[in-house]
Amino acid sequence: MSILYDEGQQAIATESRRVLEARVNKDELLPLLETTGAWHEGFWTTAKEQGWTALALPEAYGGLDLGLVELGLIAHQAGRSLSGAPFLTASFGAAKAIELYGTDEQKAKWLPGLASGETIGAIAFASGPDALPARPAVTLTGDRLDGTATGVSGGLAADIAVVFANGPGMPALVVADLASVQRKAIDSFDNSRLFADLVFSQTPSETLVGGAAARDAALHILALQAVITAHEQTGGAEAMMEVARDYAVTRRAFGQPIGAFQSIKHRIAELYGLVELARANCIHAASREGQADFVTAAAAARISATEAYDTASRDCVQIHGGIGVTWELGLHLHTRRARSLAIEQGNLLFWEDILVDRLTGEAA
């Protein structure tokens, strides 16, 4: 694929940016920081109305049959606007797990609701800081789940979860209805991510894939989500770079714009480089879906986007000086989001290990 978007993809980017800038603002997002269990319902309503929930799913189940590139464009704009809910990524991950590994009956049961957005999905793979543990904390006996899946993004509001479970002598990827599952809210610095521990107790489940293939399947789902998250991080980094640039050319000190000082303009130039590298990695990773090197490309996109967003959110605050840390300006919304996205779907160390393992294998 070309590193440039075609005309149709550019239209998706332009329209999604226009819609989100009109419907999402920091005054609606700030109260969510102090409220556990709430999300920006306007954002999720918009996502459903615009068909973003169906974008990358098959037409047979109510989807639009587009791909990771197009959904990444939406995620990029959501990152710029600070989407107030994690469901676009989480529901996509759950839907792709069912689409790729489920039976026809499971697809017919779950995918239409996920495509319409009426059903919210979550991914519950991690055990503590381990994004894909060798022995998952949740156990599968027959078709019943027991144990606790920790730190599940979107877990407070999800209707179903795809769980990486420890079956008899082997892992399994299963889907579970969360209607009767106990949820323990995690009060975080970015509460709109709706982090929760899910406590399973003899919870009925349906197996998607078991045995040795389950771990590879789980890693593939994490990689799909990582590409979407990387787009969201790149969008946030781009927004912070632009805010820093605009402030630097208007704020004056010692008779000139602060952007004239090398310590400021060099920092903004470095941010531009980080954003463009992350953008290129995201486009490449999205275009490699279904190819042998997809996980490698996803890891590279995730690493570069995490670095770009972390750096841009930090430097933007510093360039603003004292006003940068005020509640009203809202730059801390991006700082918080940068940190929460950095640990979802596996932290930086996890993806660095994945990338090194893959590259070492190729070199050998």
Protein backbone atom coordinates (compact mmCIF):
# COMPACT_ATOMS: atom_id res chain seq x y z
CA MET A 1 0.00 0.00 0.00
CA SER A 2 1.09 3.60 -0.61
CA ILE A 3 2.12 5.52 2.48
CA LEU A 4 -0.49 8.09 1.43
CA TYR A 5 -4.26 7.81 1.86
CA ASP A 6 -6.52 7.71 -1.18
CA GLU A 7 -9.34 10.17 -1.80
CA GLY A 8 -11.99 8.10 -0.05
CA GLN A 9 -9.84 7.59 3.03
CA GLN A 10 -9.05 11.30 3.19
CA ALA A 11 -12.80 11.98 3.12
CA ILE A 12 -13.30 9.66 6.09
CA ALA A 13 -10.57 11.52 8.01
CA THR A 14 -11.98 14.95 7.17
CA GLU A 15 -15.57 14.12 8.03
CA SER A 16 -14.77 12.30 11.28
CA ARG A 17 -12.63 15.24 12.42
CA ARG A 18 -15.40 17.69 11.61
CA VAL A 19 -17.99 15.67 13.52
CA LEU A 20 -15.82 15.06 16.59
CA GLU A 21 -14.63 18.66 16.87
CA ALA A 22 -18.29 19.74 16.82
CA ARG A 23 -19.47 17.21 19.43
CA VAL A 24 -16.61 16.70 21.88
CA ASN A 25 -15.13 19.42 24.08
CA LYS A 26 -13.01 19.56 27.22
CA ASP A 27 -15.81 21.02 29.35
CA GLU A 28 -17.69 17.73 28.96
CA LEU A 29 -14.57 15.62 29.50
CA LEU A 30 -13.23 17.29 32.65
CA PRO A 31 -16.05 16.10 34.98
CA LEU A 32 -15.44 12.50 33.88
CA LEU A 33 -12.04 12.59 35.57
CA GLU A 34 -13.72 12.71 38.98
CA THR A 35 -16.51 10.23 38.22
CA THR A 36 -16.05 6.45 38.24
CA GLY A 37 -18.23 4.49 35.84
CA ALA A 38 -19.24 7.35 33.53
CA TRP A 39 -18.20 7.98 29.95
CA HIS A 40 -18.84 10.58 27.29
CA GLU A 41 -22.12 9.29 25.95
CA GLY A 42 -22.14 11.88 23.17
CA PHE A 43 -18.98 10.35 21.70
CA TRP A 44 -20.36 6.82 21.76
CA THR A 45 -23.71 7.94 20.32
CA THR A 46 -21.81 9.66 17.52
CA ALA A 47 -19.74 6.52 16.88
CA LYS A 48 -22.90 4.46 16.48
CA GLU A 49 -24.71 7.05 14.36
CA GLN A 50 -21.73 7.43 12.02
CA GLY A 51 -21.35 3.67 11.61
CA TRP A 52 -17.84 3.61 13.07
CA THR A 53 -18.69 0.58 15.20
CA ALA A 54 -19.46 -1.37 12.01
CA LEU A 55 -16.63 -0.03 9.88
CA ALA A 56 -14.25 -3.02 9.86
CA LEU A 57 -16.79 -5.85 10.25
CA PRO A 58 -18.35 -8.07 7.55
CA GLU A 59 -21.47 -6.90 5.72
CA ALA A 60 -23.17 -10.20 6.51
CA TYR A 61 -23.36 -9.17 10.17
CA GLY A 62 -24.23 -5.51 9.73
CA GLY A 63 -20.72 -4.22 9.06
CA LEU A 64 -19.38 -1.95 6.33
CA ASP A 65 -16.63 -4.39 5.27
CA LEU A 66 -13.86 -1.78 5.29
CA GLY A 67 -10.54 -2.38 7.05
CA LEU A 68 -8.00 -1.47 9.65
CA VAL A 69 -6.78 1.52 7.63
CA GLU A 70 -10.21 3.18 7.69
CA LEU A 71 -10.86 2.40 11.36
CA GLY A 72 -7.40 3.74 12.16
CA LEU A 73 -8.36 7.05 10.56
CA ILE A 74 -11.36 7.29 12.89
CA ALA A 75 -9.18 6.40 15.88
CA HIS A 76 -6.68 9.08 14.89
CA GLN A 77 -9.38 11.74 14.98
CA ALA A 78 -10.76 10.33 18.22
CA GLY A 79 -7.29 10.72 19.70
CA ARG A 80 -7.12 14.35 18.61
CA SER A 81 -10.48 15.04 20.23
CA LEU A 82 -9.94 12.90 23.34
CA SER A 83 -12.72 10.36 22.92
CA GLY A 84 -14.47 9.88 26.23
CA ALA A 85 -14.96 6.09 25.97
CA PRO A 86 -12.72 3.10 25.16
CA PHE A 87 -15.37 1.10 23.34
CA LEU A 88 -14.26 1.78 19.76
CA THR A 89 -11.08 -0.23 20.36
CA ALA A 90 -12.43 -2.75 22.88
CA SER A 91 -15.55 -3.67 20.92
CA PHE A 92 -13.51 -3.94 17.73
CA GLY A 93 -11.10 -6.35 19.42
CA ALA A 94 -13.93 -8.51 20.75
CA ALA A 95 -15.70 -8.50 17.38
CA LYS A 96 -12.56 -9.46 15.45
CA ALA A 97 -11.88 -12.33 17.86
CA ILE A 98 -15.36 -13.70 17.22
CA GLU A 99 -15.18 -13.04 13.47
CA LEU A 100 -11.79 -14.71 13.04
CA TYR A 101 -12.12 -17.63 15.44
CA GLY A 102 -15.80 -18.15 16.23
CA THR A 103 -18.31 -20.55 14.73
CA ASP A 104 -21.07 -19.38 12.41
CA GLU A 105 -23.50 -19.61 15.34
CA GLN A 106 -21.26 -17.45 17.54
CA LYS A 107 -20.85 -14.88 14.80
CA ALA A 108 -24.59 -14.67 14.25
CA LYS A 109 -25.16 -14.35 17.99
CA TRP A 110 -22.67 -11.61 18.81
CA LEU A 111 -21.50 -9.70 15.74
CA PRO A 112 -24.71 -7.83 14.79
CA GLY A 113 -24.91 -6.23 18.24
CA LEU A 114 -21.22 -5.31 18.21
CA ALA A 115 -21.54 -3.86 14.70
CA SER A 116 -24.49 -1.66 15.71
CA GLY A 117 -22.82 -0.62 18.95
CA GLU A 118 -25.75 -1.83 21.03
CA THR A 119 -23.45 -4.50 22.47
CA ILE A 120 -20.20 -3.34 24.06
CA GLY A 121 -17.24 -5.70 24.04
CA ALA A 122 -14.07 -5.93 26.10
CA ILE A 123 -10.81 -7.87 25.95
CA ALA A 124 -9.71 -9.58 29.17
CA PHE A 125 -6.30 -11.11 28.52
CA ALA A 126 -3.97 -9.56 31.12
CA SER A 127 -2.99 -10.84 34.55
CA GLY A 128 -1.57 -7.91 36.49
CA PRO A 129 1.13 -6.19 34.41
CA ASP A 130 1.45 -9.18 32.04
CA ALA A 131 -0.54 -8.48 28.89
CA LEU A 132 -0.47 -12.10 27.72
CA PRO A 133 0.46 -14.36 30.65
CA ALA A 134 1.82 -17.89 30.27
CA ARG A 135 -0.74 -19.01 32.86
CA PRO A 136 -3.83 -16.80 32.82
CA ALA A 137 -5.44 -16.01 36.18
CA VAL A 138 -8.88 -16.93 34.84
CA THR A 139 -9.44 -20.70 34.64
CA LEU A 140 -11.73 -22.63 32.31
CA THR A 141 -13.35 -25.85 33.50
CA GLY A 142 -15.70 -27.32 30.94
CA ASP A 143 -17.57 -24.23 29.80
CA ARG A 144 -17.30 -22.32 33.11
CA LEU A 145 -14.93 -19.49 34.02
CA ASP A 146 -13.49 -18.77 37.47
CA GLY A 147 -10.99 -16.17 38.62
CA THR A 148 -10.33 -12.47 38.16
CA ALA A 149 -9.33 -10.63 35.00
CA THR A 150 -7.59 -7.47 36.15
CA GLY A 151 -7.54 -3.96 34.72
CA VAL A 152 -9.95 -4.55 31.85
CA SER A 153 -10.41 -1.42 29.74
CA GLY A 154 -14.12 -0.73 29.30
CA GLY A 155 -14.89 -3.46 31.81
CA LEU A 156 -17.34 -1.37 33.82
CA ALA A 157 -19.74 -1.04 30.89
CA ALA A 158 -19.02 -4.06 28.67
CA ASP A 159 -21.76 -6.55 27.87
CA ILE A 160 -19.43 -9.34 26.76
CA ALA A 161 -15.73 -10.09 27.10
CA VAL A 162 -13.30 -12.22 25.15
CA VAL A 163 -11.16 -13.86 27.82
CA PHE A 164 -7.74 -15.53 27.68
CA ALA A 165 -8.27 -18.41 30.10
CA ASN A 166 -6.23 -21.28 31.49
CA GLY A 167 -7.94 -24.46 30.36
CA PRO A 168 -7.00 -28.00 31.37
CA GLY A 169 -3.33 -28.13 30.41
CA MET A 170 -3.62 -25.44 27.74
CA PRO A 171 -4.89 -21.88 27.22
CA ALA A 172 -8.15 -21.04 25.52
CA LEU A 173 -9.79 -17.98 24.03
CA VAL A 174 -13.43 -17.80 25.12
CA VAL A 175 -16.33 -15.35 24.98
CA ALA A 176 -18.48 -14.73 28.05
CA ASP A 177 -21.66 -12.79 28.73
CA LEU A 178 -20.93 -10.35 31.58
CA ALA A 179 -24.51 -9.91 32.78
CA SER A 180 -23.89 -11.83 36.02
CA VAL A 181 -20.18 -11.06 36.44
CA GLN A 182 -19.05 -8.96 39.42
CA ARG A 183 -17.14 -5.83 38.45
CA LYS A 184 -14.72 -4.04 40.75
CA ALA A 185 -14.18 -0.47 39.55
CA ILE A 186 -10.63 0.86 39.43
CA ASP A 187 -10.48 4.55 40.27
CA SER A 188 -7.78 5.84 37.90
CA PHE A 189 -6.40 9.15 36.67
CA ASP A 190 -8.40 8.61 33.45
CA ASN A 191 -11.75 7.31 34.67
CA SER A 192 -13.45 7.52 31.27
CA ARG A 193 -11.44 4.40 30.30
CA LEU A 194 -13.74 2.48 32.68
CA PHE A 195 -11.07 0.14 34.04
CA ALA A 196 -12.42 -2.72 36.14
CA ASP A 197 -11.50 -6.11 37.53
CA LEU A 198 -13.93 -8.77 36.28
CA VAL A 199 -14.62 -11.51 38.83
CA PHE A 200 -15.81 -14.73 37.20
CA SER A 201 -17.55 -17.37 39.30
CA GLN A 202 -18.83 -20.37 37.36
CA THR A 203 -19.59 -17.98 34.50
CA PRO A 204 -20.85 -19.70 31.33
CA SER A 205 -18.59 -19.23 28.31
CA GLU A 206 -18.19 -20.31 24.71
CA THR A 207 -14.77 -21.39 23.42
CA LEU A 208 -13.48 -19.63 20.31
CA VAL A 209 -10.12 -21.38 20.02
CA GLY A 210 -8.18 -23.67 22.34
CA GLY A 211 -4.80 -25.36 22.57
CA ALA A 212 -1.51 -24.09 21.17
CA ALA A 213 -3.29 -21.83 18.67
CA ALA A 214 -5.01 -19.85 21.45
CA ARG A 215 -1.96 -17.83 22.42
CA ASP A 216 -1.19 -16.88 18.81
CA ALA A 217 -4.83 -15.91 18.35
CA ALA A 218 -4.74 -13.74 21.47
CA LEU A 219 -1.55 -12.03 20.31
CA HIS A 220 -3.14 -11.33 16.93
CA ILE A 221 -6.13 -9.68 18.61
CA LEU A 222 -3.81 -7.61 20.79
CA ALA A 223 -1.91 -6.56 17.66
CA LEU A 224 -5.13 -5.47 15.94
CA GLN A 225 -6.06 -3.40 18.97
CA ALA A 226 -2.52 -2.05 19.25
CA VAL A 227 -2.73 -0.62 15.73
CA ILE A 228 -5.99 1.16 16.56
CA THR A 229 -4.54 2.44 19.83
CA ALA A 230 -1.39 3.60 18.01
CA HIS A 231 -3.56 5.66 15.65
CA GLU A 232 -5.34 7.18 18.66
CA GLN A 233 -2.01 7.98 20.30
CA THR A 234 -0.71 9.56 17.10
CA GLY A 235 -3.81 11.73 16.85
CA GLY A 236 -3.31 12.92 20.42
CA ALA A 237 0.36 13.61 19.79
CA GLU A 238 -0.47 15.59 16.65
CA ALA A 239 -3.00 17.70 18.56
CA MET A 240 -0.49 18.44 21.34
CA MET A 241 2.21 19.37 18.81
CA GLU A 242 -0.16 21.83 17.15
CA VAL A 243 -1.26 23.34 20.46
CA ALA A 244 2.40 23.82 21.45
CA ARG A 245 3.23 25.35 18.06
CA ASP A 246 0.31 27.79 18.14
CA TYR A 247 1.15 28.91 21.67
CA ALA A 248 4.83 29.33 20.82
CA VAL A 249 4.12 31.77 17.98
CA THR A 250 1.70 33.91 20.00
CA ARG A 251 3.20 34.00 23.52
CA ARG A 252 5.87 36.67 23.74
CA ALA A 253 8.79 37.04 26.12
CA PHE A 254 11.70 39.49 26.00
CA GLY A 255 10.14 41.21 23.03
CA GLN A 256 9.72 38.21 20.76
CA PRO A 257 7.60 35.04 20.39
CA ILE A 258 8.90 32.24 22.60
CA GLY A 259 9.01 30.08 19.48
CA ALA A 260 12.04 32.09 18.39
CA PHE A 261 14.08 30.58 21.20
CA GLN A 262 16.03 27.47 20.21
CA SER A 263 14.96 25.50 23.27
CA ILE A 264 11.32 25.85 22.15
CA LYS A 265 11.54 25.59 18.37
CA HIS A 266 13.88 22.61 18.47
CA ARG A 267 11.51 20.81 20.81
CA ILE A 268 8.53 21.42 18.52
CA ALA A 269 10.56 20.29 15.50
CA GLU A 270 11.40 17.07 17.35
CA LEU A 271 7.71 16.55 18.10
CA TYR A 272 6.92 16.91 14.40
CA GLY A 273 9.45 14.20 13.60
CA LEU A 274 8.03 11.85 16.25
CA VAL A 275 4.45 12.39 15.03
CA GLU A 276 5.32 11.75 11.38
CA LEU A 277 7.29 8.61 12.22
CA ALA A 278 4.37 7.33 14.28
CA ARG A 279 1.91 8.18 11.50
CA ALA A 280 3.99 6.30 8.91
CA ASN A 281 4.29 3.27 11.19
CA CYS A 282 0.55 3.29 11.80
CA ILE A 283 -0.29 3.39 8.10
CA HIS A 284 2.19 0.61 7.39
CA ALA A 285 0.90 -1.60 10.21
CA ALA A 286 -2.73 -1.14 9.18
CA SER A 287 -1.88 -2.03 5.59
CA ARG A 288 -0.14 -5.25 6.70
CA GLU A 289 -3.25 -6.81 8.25
CA GLY A 290 -3.39 -10.46 7.22
CA GLN A 291 0.30 -10.60 6.26
CA ALA A 292 3.06 -12.59 7.96
CA ASP A 293 4.77 -9.49 9.33
CA PHE A 294 1.62 -7.90 10.75
CA VAL A 295 2.48 -8.39 14.43
CA THR A 296 5.97 -6.99 13.84
CA ALA A 297 4.53 -3.91 12.14
CA ALA A 298 1.92 -3.51 14.90
CA ALA A 299 4.63 -3.60 17.56
CA ALA A 300 6.66 -0.93 15.73
CA ALA A 301 3.58 1.30 15.39
CA ARG A 302 2.68 0.86 19.05
CA ILE A 303 6.20 1.72 20.25
CA SER A 304 6.63 4.80 18.07
CA ALA A 305 3.13 6.11 18.84
CA THR A 306 3.60 5.66 22.59
CA GLU A 307 6.86 7.61 22.46
CA ALA A 308 5.27 10.35 20.36
CA TYR A 309 2.23 10.84 22.61
CA ASP A 310 4.16 10.67 25.86
CA THR A 311 6.70 13.20 24.61
CA ALA A 312 4.18 15.55 23.00
CA SER A 313 1.87 15.65 26.02
CA ARG A 314 4.79 16.33 28.36
CA ASP A 315 6.53 18.92 26.19
CA CYS A 316 3.31 20.78 25.42
CA VAL A 317 2.69 21.32 29.13
CA GLN A 318 6.28 22.51 29.63
CA ILE A 319 6.15 24.93 26.69
CA HIS A 320 3.05 26.52 28.23
CA GLY A 321 4.84 27.05 31.53
CA GLY A 322 2.70 27.63 34.61
CA ILE A 323 -0.58 27.89 32.72
CA GLY A 324 0.05 24.43 31.26
CA VAL A 325 -0.76 22.69 34.54
CA THR A 326 -4.06 24.46 35.17
CA TRP A 327 -7.31 22.50 35.23
CA GLU A 328 -9.10 24.96 32.97
CA LEU A 329 -6.64 24.74 30.07
CA GLY A 330 -7.13 20.99 29.96
CA LEU A 331 -3.71 19.90 28.69
CA HIS A 332 -3.65 17.35 31.49
CA LEU A 333 -6.48 15.51 29.72
CA HIS A 334 -3.96 14.51 27.06
CA THR A 335 -1.28 13.76 29.65
CA ARG A 336 -3.65 11.39 31.44
CA ARG A 337 -4.79 9.79 28.18
CA ALA A 338 -1.21 9.33 27.03
CA ARG A 339 -0.44 7.41 30.22
CA SER A 340 -3.60 5.27 30.15
CA LEU A 341 -3.19 4.33 26.48
CA ALA A 342 0.46 3.45 27.13
CA ILE A 343 -0.60 0.51 29.31
CA GLU A 344 -3.66 -0.74 27.42
CA GLN A 345 -3.12 -3.79 25.18
CA GLY A 346 0.30 -4.29 26.71
CA ASN A 347 2.83 -1.73 27.88
CA LEU A 348 5.93 -0.51 26.06
CA LEU A 349 8.13 -3.30 27.45
CA PHE A 350 5.70 -5.94 26.20
CA TRP A 351 5.73 -4.64 22.64
CA GLU A 352 9.49 -4.05 22.68
CA ASP A 353 9.95 -7.72 23.63
CA ILE A 354 7.58 -8.79 20.84
CA LEU A 355 9.47 -6.68 18.30
CA VAL A 356 12.89 -7.89 19.42
CA ASP A 357 11.78 -11.54 19.35
CA ARG A 358 10.39 -11.15 15.84
CA LEU A 359 13.42 -9.31 14.48
CA THR A 360 15.84 -11.74 16.15
CA GLY A 361 14.00 -14.60 14.47
CA GLU A 362 14.28 -12.91 11.09
CA ALA A 363 17.99 -12.15 11.56
CA ALA A 364 18.70 -15.74 12.58
